Amino acid sequence: MIINSSFNMKHILIRMFAVILLCGELQATAQNDSVPFLYRSHLILHATINDTTECDILYDTGAANMFGVDSVWLSHSDWKPDRIGSAMASGGAGKTIVKIVMDKTKVSIGNISNIYPFVPIFKLRDVVDCHIDGILDILNIADYPFEINFEQGFLKQHKNSKKKLVVCIKMMSQK
């Protein structure tokens, strides 16, 4: 019986130690430069434009170092750009003329901030068939390893590494 008590105490201590380690890992994740996201058939990130206007954006690795906004969102948002012009855009649907914000625009997601020289204005909600305010590809993503962690729901740019683009995808565990 004394052996069982000792055995049980050992298991309790091991479990307590595991909980302490887990809490420390979660705290470290919360304090680092990871960015939480929602996965709804797309990666959805919460962003801030020019340190004042909040929006929900779709993260698209194929968006070619671009940040674009939905035309409906822009017309109803607090963000009022100074200069709007037009430009020729091409893509999967062919060539078309789109309106663009011609102001330099700072976009922040978590601790990652980038300045985009222009911002295309799209009918984005019609294209992606969901309520979304903008679309973004993080500038210079190829300069640092980049982690997309579906299991814990975060993105992280590893700027301490000199390696070229490494996208680590941790798939959600099967239930």
N, C-alpha and C. Protein backbone atom coordinates (compact mmCIF):
# COMPACT_ATOMS: atom_id res chain seq x y z
N MET A 1 0.81 -1.18 0.00
CA MET A 1 0.00 0.00 0.00
C MET A 1 0.86 1.26 0.00
N ILE A 2 1.95 1.23 0.68
CA ILE A 2 2.86 2.37 0.68
C ILE A 2 3.44 2.56 -0.72
N ILE A 3 3.72 1.46 -1.41
CA ILE A 3 4.24 1.54 -2.77
C ILE A 3 3.21 2.20 -3.67
N ASN A 4 1.92 1.84 -3.53
CA ASN A 4 0.87 2.45 -4.33
C ASN A 4 0.76 3.95 -4.06
N SER A 5 0.86 4.35 -2.80
CA SER A 5 0.78 5.77 -2.46
C SER A 5 1.95 6.52 -3.09
N SER A 6 3.12 5.92 -3.01
CA SER A 6 4.29 6.53 -3.61
C SER A 6 4.12 6.60 -5.13
N PHE A 7 3.58 5.51 -5.70
CA PHE A 7 3.35 5.47 -7.14
C PHE A 7 2.34 6.54 -7.54
N ASN A 8 1.24 6.69 -6.79
CA ASN A 8 0.22 7.71 -7.08
C ASN A 8 0.79 9.12 -6.94
N MET A 9 1.58 9.35 -5.91
CA MET A 9 2.19 10.66 -5.70
C MET A 9 3.12 10.99 -6.86
N LYS A 10 3.85 10.00 -7.34
CA LYS A 10 4.75 10.21 -8.47
C LYS A 10 3.96 10.63 -9.71
N HIS A 11 2.84 9.97 -9.96
CA HIS A 11 2.00 10.32 -11.11
C HIS A 11 1.40 11.72 -10.97
N ILE A 12 1.00 12.06 -9.76
CA ILE A 12 0.44 13.40 -9.51
C ILE A 12 1.50 14.46 -9.79
N LEU A 13 2.73 14.23 -9.31
CA LEU A 13 3.81 15.19 -9.53
C LEU A 13 4.15 15.30 -11.01
N ILE A 14 4.17 14.18 -11.72
CA ILE A 14 4.46 14.21 -13.16
C ILE A 14 3.38 15.00 -13.88
N ARG A 15 2.11 14.79 -13.53
CA ARG A 15 1.01 15.51 -14.17
C ARG A 15 1.08 17.00 -13.86
N MET A 16 1.41 17.33 -12.61
CA MET A 16 1.52 18.75 -12.25
C MET A 16 2.66 19.41 -13.03
N PHE A 17 3.78 18.69 -13.17
CA PHE A 17 4.91 19.21 -13.93
C PHE A 17 4.53 19.42 -15.39
N ALA A 18 3.78 18.48 -15.96
CA ALA A 18 3.32 18.60 -17.35
C ALA A 18 2.41 19.82 -17.52
N VAL A 19 1.52 20.05 -16.57
CA VAL A 19 0.61 21.21 -16.63
C VAL A 19 1.42 22.51 -16.55
N ILE A 20 2.41 22.55 -15.68
CA ILE A 20 3.25 23.75 -15.54
C ILE A 20 4.00 24.01 -16.85
N LEU A 21 4.55 22.97 -17.46
CA LEU A 21 5.25 23.13 -18.74
C LEU A 21 4.30 23.62 -19.83
N LEU A 22 3.11 23.04 -19.87
CA LEU A 22 2.12 23.44 -20.86
C LEU A 22 1.72 24.90 -20.68
N CYS A 23 1.49 25.32 -19.45
CA CYS A 23 1.14 26.72 -19.18
C CYS A 23 2.27 27.64 -19.60
N GLY A 24 3.51 27.25 -19.34
CA GLY A 24 4.65 28.05 -19.75
C GLY A 24 4.75 28.15 -21.26
N GLU A 25 4.48 27.06 -21.97
CA GLU A 25 4.50 27.07 -23.43
C GLU A 25 3.40 27.96 -23.98
N LEU A 26 2.21 27.88 -23.41
CA LEU A 26 1.10 28.72 -23.86
C LEU A 26 1.41 30.19 -23.60
N GLN A 27 2.02 30.49 -22.46
CA GLN A 27 2.36 31.87 -22.14
C GLN A 27 3.42 32.38 -23.12
N ALA A 28 4.40 31.54 -23.45
CA ALA A 28 5.43 31.95 -24.40
C ALA A 28 4.81 32.21 -25.77
N THR A 29 3.86 31.37 -26.18
CA THR A 29 3.18 31.58 -27.46
C THR A 29 2.41 32.88 -27.45
N ALA A 30 1.75 33.20 -26.35
CA ALA A 30 0.96 34.42 -26.26
C ALA A 30 1.86 35.66 -26.30
N GLN A 31 3.10 35.54 -25.80
CA GLN A 31 3.98 36.70 -25.73
C GLN A 31 4.85 36.87 -26.97
N ASN A 32 4.90 35.88 -27.84
CA ASN A 32 5.77 36.01 -29.00
C ASN A 32 5.04 36.69 -30.15
N ASP A 33 5.58 36.59 -31.33
CA ASP A 33 5.01 37.30 -32.47
C ASP A 33 4.06 36.43 -33.30
N SER A 34 3.41 35.46 -32.68
CA SER A 34 2.45 34.66 -33.42
C SER A 34 1.15 35.45 -33.60
N VAL A 35 0.45 35.15 -34.68
CA VAL A 35 -0.79 35.84 -35.03
C VAL A 35 -1.92 34.82 -35.08
N PRO A 36 -2.94 34.99 -34.25
CA PRO A 36 -4.05 34.03 -34.29
C PRO A 36 -4.87 34.17 -35.57
N PHE A 37 -5.45 33.06 -36.02
CA PHE A 37 -6.34 33.12 -37.18
C PHE A 37 -7.52 32.20 -36.98
N LEU A 38 -8.55 32.43 -37.76
CA LEU A 38 -9.71 31.54 -37.84
C LEU A 38 -9.61 30.81 -39.16
N TYR A 39 -9.98 29.55 -39.17
CA TYR A 39 -9.99 28.81 -40.43
C TYR A 39 -11.43 28.53 -40.81
N ARG A 40 -11.89 29.15 -41.87
CA ARG A 40 -13.24 28.96 -42.41
C ARG A 40 -13.12 28.77 -43.91
N SER A 41 -12.52 27.66 -44.34
CA SER A 41 -12.17 27.38 -45.73
C SER A 41 -11.09 28.34 -46.24
N HIS A 42 -10.79 29.37 -45.51
CA HIS A 42 -9.71 30.33 -45.78
C HIS A 42 -9.11 30.70 -44.43
N LEU A 43 -7.89 31.21 -44.43
CA LEU A 43 -7.29 31.74 -43.21
C LEU A 43 -7.76 33.17 -43.05
N ILE A 44 -8.43 33.47 -41.95
CA ILE A 44 -8.96 34.80 -41.68
C ILE A 44 -8.15 35.42 -40.54
N LEU A 45 -7.58 36.60 -40.79
CA LEU A 45 -6.75 37.30 -39.82
C LEU A 45 -7.40 38.63 -39.45
N HIS A 46 -7.19 39.05 -38.23
CA HIS A 46 -7.65 40.37 -37.81
C HIS A 46 -6.51 41.35 -38.04
N ALA A 47 -6.80 42.46 -38.71
CA ALA A 47 -5.76 43.42 -39.07
C ALA A 47 -6.15 44.83 -38.66
N THR A 48 -5.16 45.71 -38.63
CA THR A 48 -5.38 47.13 -38.37
C THR A 48 -4.72 47.92 -39.50
N ILE A 49 -5.46 48.86 -40.06
CA ILE A 49 -4.95 49.71 -41.14
C ILE A 49 -4.57 51.06 -40.57
N ASN A 50 -3.34 51.47 -40.86
CA ASN A 50 -2.81 52.77 -40.41
C ASN A 50 -3.03 53.02 -38.92
N ASP A 51 -2.92 51.98 -38.14
CA ASP A 51 -3.02 52.02 -36.67
C ASP A 51 -4.39 52.47 -36.15
N THR A 52 -5.41 52.55 -37.01
CA THR A 52 -6.71 53.06 -36.54
C THR A 52 -7.90 52.20 -36.94
N THR A 53 -7.93 51.67 -38.13
CA THR A 53 -9.12 51.00 -38.66
C THR A 53 -8.93 49.48 -38.63
N GLU A 54 -9.86 48.79 -38.00
CA GLU A 54 -9.77 47.34 -37.88
C GLU A 54 -10.57 46.66 -38.99
N CYS A 55 -10.08 45.49 -39.39
CA CYS A 55 -10.78 44.72 -40.43
C CYS A 55 -10.38 43.25 -40.33
N ASP A 56 -11.17 42.41 -40.97
CA ASP A 56 -10.87 40.98 -41.06
C ASP A 56 -10.47 40.68 -42.49
N ILE A 57 -9.30 40.08 -42.65
CA ILE A 57 -8.77 39.86 -43.98
C ILE A 57 -8.50 38.39 -44.24
N LEU A 58 -8.55 38.05 -45.49
CA LEU A 58 -8.26 36.70 -45.95
C LEU A 58 -6.77 36.66 -46.28
N TYR A 59 -6.06 35.71 -45.70
CA TYR A 59 -4.63 35.57 -45.99
C TYR A 59 -4.50 34.66 -47.20
N ASP A 60 -3.84 35.15 -48.24
CA ASP A 60 -3.71 34.42 -49.50
C ASP A 60 -2.24 34.46 -49.92
N THR A 61 -1.57 33.30 -49.88
CA THR A 61 -0.16 33.25 -50.24
C THR A 61 0.06 33.56 -51.71
N GLY A 62 -1.00 33.51 -52.52
CA GLY A 62 -0.87 33.82 -53.95
C GLY A 62 -1.19 35.26 -54.29
N ALA A 63 -1.36 36.10 -53.29
CA ALA A 63 -1.75 37.50 -53.54
C ALA A 63 -0.56 38.38 -53.93
N ALA A 64 0.59 37.81 -54.15
CA ALA A 64 1.76 38.50 -54.72
C ALA A 64 2.13 39.80 -54.01
N ASN A 65 2.45 39.71 -52.71
CA ASN A 65 2.89 40.88 -51.95
C ASN A 65 1.89 42.04 -52.01
N MET A 66 0.61 41.72 -51.97
CA MET A 66 -0.42 42.72 -52.15
C MET A 66 -1.38 42.74 -50.97
N PHE A 67 -1.94 43.92 -50.73
CA PHE A 67 -3.06 44.08 -49.81
C PHE A 67 -4.16 44.76 -50.60
N GLY A 68 -5.35 44.18 -50.60
CA GLY A 68 -6.50 44.76 -51.29
C GLY A 68 -7.70 44.78 -50.36
N VAL A 69 -8.65 45.68 -50.63
CA VAL A 69 -9.84 45.78 -49.78
C VAL A 69 -11.11 45.59 -50.60
N ASP A 70 -12.15 45.19 -49.90
CA ASP A 70 -13.47 45.04 -50.51
C ASP A 70 -14.12 46.41 -50.68
N SER A 71 -14.75 46.64 -51.79
CA SER A 71 -15.34 47.94 -52.08
C SER A 71 -16.48 48.28 -51.11
N VAL A 72 -17.29 47.30 -50.74
CA VAL A 72 -18.39 47.56 -49.80
C VAL A 72 -17.83 47.90 -48.43
N TRP A 73 -16.83 47.14 -47.97
CA TRP A 73 -16.22 47.43 -46.68
C TRP A 73 -15.63 48.84 -46.67
N LEU A 74 -14.90 49.21 -47.73
CA LEU A 74 -14.26 50.52 -47.77
C LEU A 74 -15.31 51.64 -47.69
N SER A 75 -16.42 51.49 -48.37
CA SER A 75 -17.42 52.55 -48.36
C SER A 75 -18.09 52.72 -47.00
N HIS A 76 -18.08 51.67 -46.18
CA HIS A 76 -18.71 51.74 -44.85
C HIS A 76 -17.72 51.85 -43.70
N SER A 77 -16.42 51.82 -44.00
CA SER A 77 -15.42 51.83 -42.93
C SER A 77 -15.07 53.26 -42.52
N ASP A 78 -14.30 53.35 -41.43
CA ASP A 78 -13.80 54.64 -40.96
C ASP A 78 -12.58 55.10 -41.74
N TRP A 79 -11.99 54.20 -42.52
CA TRP A 79 -10.79 54.54 -43.30
C TRP A 79 -11.19 55.35 -44.53
N LYS A 80 -10.68 56.54 -44.62
CA LYS A 80 -10.97 57.43 -45.74
C LYS A 80 -9.66 57.82 -46.41
N PRO A 81 -9.23 57.06 -47.44
CA PRO A 81 -7.98 57.37 -48.12
C PRO A 81 -8.02 58.75 -48.78
N ASP A 82 -6.84 59.37 -48.89
CA ASP A 82 -6.74 60.69 -49.51
C ASP A 82 -6.80 60.64 -51.03
N ARG A 83 -6.13 59.64 -51.62
CA ARG A 83 -6.05 59.59 -53.08
C ARG A 83 -6.53 58.25 -53.61
N ILE A 84 -7.49 58.29 -54.54
CA ILE A 84 -7.97 57.08 -55.20
C ILE A 84 -7.83 57.28 -56.71
N GLY A 85 -7.25 56.28 -57.37
CA GLY A 85 -7.06 56.34 -58.82
C GLY A 85 -7.53 55.05 -59.45
N SER A 86 -7.07 54.78 -60.67
CA SER A 86 -7.42 53.56 -61.39
C SER A 86 -6.17 52.91 -61.94
N ALA A 87 -6.23 51.61 -62.13
CA ALA A 87 -5.09 50.87 -62.70
C ALA A 87 -5.61 49.64 -63.43
N MET A 88 -4.81 49.14 -64.35
CA MET A 88 -5.13 47.91 -65.06
C MET A 88 -4.67 46.74 -64.20
N ALA A 89 -5.56 45.79 -63.98
CA ALA A 89 -5.23 44.59 -63.21
C ALA A 89 -5.49 43.37 -64.07
N SER A 90 -4.67 42.35 -63.88
CA SER A 90 -4.90 41.10 -64.61
C SER A 90 -4.82 39.95 -63.64
N GLY A 91 -5.51 38.90 -63.97
CA GLY A 91 -5.54 37.72 -63.13
C GLY A 91 -6.25 36.60 -63.84
N GLY A 92 -6.78 35.67 -63.06
CA GLY A 92 -7.46 34.52 -63.61
C GLY A 92 -8.69 34.88 -64.43
N ALA A 93 -9.31 36.01 -64.14
CA ALA A 93 -10.52 36.44 -64.85
C ALA A 93 -10.19 37.33 -66.04
N GLY A 94 -8.90 37.54 -66.32
CA GLY A 94 -8.51 38.40 -67.44
C GLY A 94 -8.08 39.76 -66.95
N LYS A 95 -8.11 40.74 -67.86
CA LYS A 95 -7.70 42.11 -67.53
C LYS A 95 -8.92 42.97 -67.26
N THR A 96 -8.77 43.87 -66.30
CA THR A 96 -9.84 44.79 -65.96
C THR A 96 -9.25 46.04 -65.32
N ILE A 97 -10.00 47.11 -65.32
CA ILE A 97 -9.57 48.33 -64.64
C ILE A 97 -10.18 48.32 -63.24
N VAL A 98 -9.34 48.55 -62.24
CA VAL A 98 -9.81 48.58 -60.85
C VAL A 98 -9.42 49.91 -60.23
N LYS A 99 -10.20 50.31 -59.25
CA LYS A 99 -9.83 51.48 -58.46
C LYS A 99 -8.73 51.06 -57.49
N ILE A 100 -7.86 52.01 -57.17
CA ILE A 100 -6.80 51.73 -56.20
C ILE A 100 -6.65 52.92 -55.25
N VAL A 101 -6.33 52.60 -54.02
CA VAL A 101 -5.93 53.62 -53.06
C VAL A 101 -4.47 53.91 -53.37
N MET A 102 -4.14 55.16 -53.62
CA MET A 102 -2.78 55.53 -54.01
C MET A 102 -1.95 56.05 -52.84
N ASP A 103 -2.47 55.94 -51.62
CA ASP A 103 -1.74 56.32 -50.42
C ASP A 103 -0.91 55.14 -49.93
N LYS A 104 0.25 55.40 -49.37
CA LYS A 104 0.97 54.33 -48.68
C LYS A 104 0.12 53.91 -47.50
N THR A 105 -0.05 52.61 -47.34
CA THR A 105 -0.97 52.09 -46.33
C THR A 105 -0.26 51.08 -45.45
N LYS A 106 -0.27 51.34 -44.15
CA LYS A 106 0.33 50.42 -43.18
C LYS A 106 -0.73 49.41 -42.76
N VAL A 107 -0.38 48.13 -42.85
CA VAL A 107 -1.26 47.05 -42.42
C VAL A 107 -0.53 46.25 -41.36
N SER A 108 -1.19 46.08 -40.21
CA SER A 108 -0.59 45.34 -39.10
C SER A 108 -1.46 44.14 -38.76
N ILE A 109 -0.81 42.99 -38.66
CA ILE A 109 -1.47 41.79 -38.12
C ILE A 109 -0.57 41.30 -37.01
N GLY A 110 -1.06 41.38 -35.80
CA GLY A 110 -0.21 41.05 -34.66
C GLY A 110 0.99 41.97 -34.64
N ASN A 111 2.19 41.39 -34.53
CA ASN A 111 3.43 42.17 -34.51
C ASN A 111 4.04 42.36 -35.89
N ILE A 112 3.36 41.88 -36.92
CA ILE A 112 3.85 42.02 -38.29
C ILE A 112 3.20 43.24 -38.92
N SER A 113 4.01 44.21 -39.33
CA SER A 113 3.50 45.41 -39.99
C SER A 113 4.22 45.58 -41.32
N ASN A 114 3.46 45.92 -42.34
CA ASN A 114 4.02 46.18 -43.66
C ASN A 114 3.36 47.42 -44.24
N ILE A 115 4.09 48.13 -45.08
CA ILE A 115 3.53 49.29 -45.77
C ILE A 115 3.40 48.91 -47.24
N TYR A 116 2.17 49.06 -47.75
CA TYR A 116 1.86 48.75 -49.13
C TYR A 116 1.76 50.06 -49.90
N PRO A 117 2.43 50.18 -51.06
CA PRO A 117 2.46 51.45 -51.80
C PRO A 117 1.10 51.82 -52.42
N PHE A 118 0.29 50.84 -52.70
CA PHE A 118 -1.05 51.08 -53.24
C PHE A 118 -1.94 49.93 -52.79
N VAL A 119 -3.25 50.15 -52.82
CA VAL A 119 -4.21 49.14 -52.36
C VAL A 119 -5.34 49.01 -53.39
N PRO A 120 -5.42 47.89 -54.10
CA PRO A 120 -6.53 47.69 -55.02
C PRO A 120 -7.86 47.57 -54.27
N ILE A 121 -8.92 48.04 -54.91
CA ILE A 121 -10.26 47.96 -54.35
C ILE A 121 -11.05 46.99 -55.22
N PHE A 122 -11.50 45.88 -54.62
CA PHE A 122 -12.18 44.81 -55.36
C PHE A 122 -13.61 44.63 -54.86
N LYS A 123 -14.38 43.91 -55.66
CA LYS A 123 -15.66 43.37 -55.17
C LYS A 123 -15.32 41.99 -54.61
N LEU A 124 -14.55 42.02 -53.56
CA LEU A 124 -13.94 40.81 -53.01
C LEU A 124 -14.96 39.82 -52.48
N ARG A 125 -16.00 40.31 -51.82
CA ARG A 125 -17.00 39.41 -51.25
C ARG A 125 -17.70 38.60 -52.33
N ASP A 126 -17.85 39.16 -53.52
CA ASP A 126 -18.44 38.41 -54.63
C ASP A 126 -17.51 37.30 -55.10
N VAL A 127 -16.21 37.57 -55.05
CA VAL A 127 -15.22 36.60 -55.55
C VAL A 127 -15.05 35.43 -54.59
N VAL A 128 -14.91 35.70 -53.30
CA VAL A 128 -14.64 34.64 -52.34
C VAL A 128 -15.91 34.08 -51.70
N ASP A 129 -17.04 34.68 -52.00
CA ASP A 129 -18.34 34.21 -51.53
C ASP A 129 -18.41 34.10 -50.00
N CYS A 130 -17.85 35.09 -49.33
CA CYS A 130 -17.98 35.18 -47.88
C CYS A 130 -17.77 36.63 -47.45
N HIS A 131 -18.18 36.94 -46.23
CA HIS A 131 -18.04 38.30 -45.70
C HIS A 131 -16.60 38.50 -45.28
N ILE A 132 -15.87 39.29 -46.05
CA ILE A 132 -14.46 39.55 -45.77
C ILE A 132 -14.16 40.98 -46.15
N ASP A 133 -13.27 41.63 -45.40
CA ASP A 133 -12.99 43.05 -45.61
C ASP A 133 -11.80 43.30 -46.55
N GLY A 134 -10.89 42.34 -46.62
CA GLY A 134 -9.72 42.53 -47.46
C GLY A 134 -9.00 41.22 -47.72
N ILE A 135 -7.95 41.32 -48.53
CA ILE A 135 -7.13 40.16 -48.87
C ILE A 135 -5.67 40.60 -48.76
N LEU A 136 -4.80 39.70 -48.32
CA LEU A 136 -3.43 40.10 -48.05
C LEU A 136 -2.46 38.95 -48.26
N ASP A 137 -1.29 39.30 -48.76
CA ASP A 137 -0.12 38.43 -48.71
C ASP A 137 0.95 39.23 -47.98
N ILE A 138 1.59 38.62 -47.02
CA ILE A 138 2.58 39.32 -46.21
C ILE A 138 3.81 39.63 -47.07
N LEU A 139 4.23 40.88 -47.08
CA LEU A 139 5.39 41.30 -47.86
C LEU A 139 6.64 40.53 -47.44
N ASN A 140 7.46 40.20 -48.41
CA ASN A 140 8.77 39.58 -48.18
C ASN A 140 8.68 38.29 -47.39
N ILE A 141 7.60 37.56 -47.58
CA ILE A 141 7.43 36.30 -46.84
C ILE A 141 8.54 35.31 -47.18
N ALA A 142 9.10 35.40 -48.37
CA ALA A 142 10.14 34.46 -48.79
C ALA A 142 11.48 34.71 -48.09
N ASP A 143 11.61 35.81 -47.37
CA ASP A 143 12.87 36.10 -46.69
C ASP A 143 13.06 35.34 -45.38
N TYR A 144 11.98 34.84 -44.81
CA TYR A 144 12.05 34.16 -43.51
C TYR A 144 11.17 32.92 -43.52
N PRO A 145 11.56 31.90 -42.74
CA PRO A 145 10.65 30.77 -42.57
C PRO A 145 9.33 31.25 -41.97
N PHE A 146 8.25 30.65 -42.40
CA PHE A 146 6.90 31.08 -42.01
C PHE A 146 6.10 29.85 -41.61
N GLU A 147 5.52 29.90 -40.44
CA GLU A 147 4.78 28.76 -39.90
C GLU A 147 3.28 29.04 -39.92
N ILE A 148 2.52 28.10 -40.45
CA ILE A 148 1.06 28.14 -40.37
C ILE A 148 0.65 26.93 -39.54
N ASN A 149 0.18 27.17 -38.33
CA ASN A 149 -0.14 26.09 -37.41
C ASN A 149 -1.66 25.98 -37.29
N PHE A 150 -2.24 25.03 -38.01
CA PHE A 150 -3.69 24.84 -37.99
C PHE A 150 -4.15 24.26 -36.66
N GLU A 151 -3.32 23.44 -36.06
CA GLU A 151 -3.70 22.77 -34.82
C GLU A 151 -3.94 23.78 -33.69
N GLN A 152 -3.06 24.78 -33.58
CA GLN A 152 -3.19 25.78 -32.53
C GLN A 152 -3.74 27.11 -33.04
N GLY A 153 -3.98 27.22 -34.35
CA GLY A 153 -4.61 28.40 -34.93
C GLY A 153 -3.77 29.66 -34.91
N PHE A 154 -2.49 29.56 -35.36
CA PHE A 154 -1.69 30.77 -35.43
C PHE A 154 -0.74 30.74 -36.62
N LEU A 155 -0.31 31.94 -37.03
CA LEU A 155 0.74 32.14 -38.02
C LEU A 155 1.94 32.72 -37.29
N LYS A 156 3.12 32.44 -37.78
CA LYS A 156 4.30 33.02 -37.16
C LYS A 156 5.40 33.15 -38.20
N GLN A 157 5.99 34.33 -38.26
CA GLN A 157 7.13 34.58 -39.11
C GLN A 157 8.38 34.45 -38.25
N HIS A 158 9.30 33.56 -38.63
CA HIS A 158 10.52 33.31 -37.85
C HIS A 158 11.65 34.18 -38.39
N LYS A 159 11.75 35.39 -37.87
CA LYS A 159 12.74 36.35 -38.40
C LYS A 159 14.14 36.12 -37.88
N ASN A 160 14.34 35.22 -36.93
CA ASN A 160 15.67 34.95 -36.41
C ASN A 160 16.47 34.02 -37.31
N SER A 161 15.83 33.52 -38.36
CA SER A 161 16.48 32.57 -39.25
C SER A 161 16.83 33.24 -40.57
N LYS A 162 17.93 32.86 -41.16
CA LYS A 162 18.36 33.41 -42.45
C LYS A 162 17.91 32.52 -43.61
N LYS A 163 17.23 31.43 -43.31
CA LYS A 163 16.81 30.49 -44.35
C LYS A 163 15.74 31.10 -45.23
N LYS A 164 15.65 30.60 -46.45
CA LYS A 164 14.59 31.03 -47.36
C LYS A 164 13.27 30.39 -46.92
N LEU A 165 12.22 30.69 -47.65
CA LEU A 165 10.87 30.31 -47.28
C LEU A 165 10.73 28.83 -46.94
N VAL A 166 10.22 28.59 -45.75
CA VAL A 166 9.86 27.25 -45.33
C VAL A 166 8.47 27.38 -44.73
N VAL A 167 7.51 26.76 -45.33
CA VAL A 167 6.17 26.83 -44.80
C VAL A 167 5.92 25.53 -44.06
N CYS A 168 5.74 25.63 -42.76
CA CYS A 168 5.50 24.46 -41.93
C CYS A 168 3.99 24.38 -41.69
N ILE A 169 3.39 23.33 -42.15
CA ILE A 169 1.96 23.19 -41.96
C ILE A 169 1.72 22.00 -41.03
N LYS A 170 1.18 22.29 -39.87
CA LYS A 170 0.84 21.23 -38.93
C LYS A 170 -0.65 20.97 -39.09
N MET A 171 -0.97 19.85 -39.66
CA MET A 171 -2.35 19.53 -39.97
C MET A 171 -3.15 19.28 -38.70
N MET A 172 -4.42 19.63 -38.78
CA MET A 172 -5.30 19.39 -37.64
C MET A 172 -5.38 17.89 -37.40
N SER A 173 -5.37 17.52 -36.16
CA SER A 173 -5.42 16.10 -35.83
C SER A 173 -6.81 15.55 -36.15
N GLN A 174 -6.83 14.33 -36.62
CA GLN A 174 -8.09 13.65 -36.94
C GLN A 174 -8.82 13.33 -35.65
N LYS A 175 -10.11 13.55 -35.64
CA LYS A 175 -10.89 13.24 -34.44
C LYS A 175 -11.73 12.02 -34.66
